[in-house]
Amino acid sequence: MSNNPADWKFETKQVHSGATPDPVTNARAVPIYQTTSYVFNSTEHAKNLFALAEFGNIYTRIMNPTQEVVEQRVAALEGGTAALMVASGQAAETFAVLNIAGAGDHIVSSSSIYGGTYNLFKYTLAKLGIEVTFVENQDDKDEWQRAVRPNTKLFFAETIGNPRVNVLDIKLVADVAHKNGLPLIVDNTIATPYLIRPFEHGADIVIHSATKFLGGHGTVIGGIIVDGGKFEWSKNVEKFPGLT
C-alpha cells in the first residue's frame, strides 16, 4: 500500500484516512479521547492556540482528536479540503447555512428535500430573519435563476431527494449558483461519496447526516460539513463577511 494518501483507493481511505498508530503504545485502532480540555506546552503555546495563530486542541466542544479522524476521513472520501463534525444532520444543515446567511438574507432551496430540512428552512430560519424560496422543479435552471435576489446567499439541494428519490443535476444547479456568485450546498446523505462525489460536479459544500449510511448501524447520531476548498469567498467580502 502506498504511504501517500492521495494514491489510496476509496476502500483504503474508508479504513485508514485520518488515522495514525499511537506513537507511544503503537495501538492500531483510534482511541476515544474522553477529555474536555487539553494541556498547553507553554503560555506562548496557549496564546497562539487561542489567537488561532497555531493549530491544535483547545477544548473538546471545538475539536477532539477522535472527532478529527472522522472529519479527515469523510473529507478524504468526498475529495474535500476539510470537514467539521457536529451533533446531527440537522445541526450540519443549520451550521452550514448560518455561517453564510443571517437576518435579512435569502436562500434558494430545492423543494425535494428531507421533511426535517424543509421545516427547518420554512419555519425555523424564518424566525431568524432568513427567507427561503423553494424551487419546485430542480431540473429547471431558469426557475433557480428567477429565485435569485440581491440578498440571496446560497443554493441548497440533495443529491438524491428524500423521499422522492429524484437525482439532482448538480452541474446544472452549480452553474446557475456560480453565475450569480453563490455557493451550492449539497446534502449527500443518501448517495454517500461511494456513489457520487458532489465536488467533482461543481458543489462547494457537502453535508451529511452521518446517522444514516455513514454510521451504518443505527447506533449513533452525527452530522458533518465538508468544504470543497474551491469557492472564492474573498471575491465578495461584503456578501460573505463571516468567511473572509
Foldseek 3Di string as FASTA:
>chain_A
DDPDLVPDDLVVLLPPFLDDQDPPPRHRDDDDPPDFADDAPDVVRVVCVVVVVDDDTGGVVQPDSVQQSVFRSQCSLLVADTKDKDAFLVVQVVVVVVLQDFAPAEEEEAPLADPVVNCCQPPVVVVRRYYYHYQDDQVDLVSVLVPDDPRYAAYEYECQGPPVRDGHQLLSNLVSQVVVLHAYEYEDAPCRSVRPNSVVRRHFKYKYFCCPVVVPPNPGTMMMIGGRPPRDCVVCCPSNVSVD
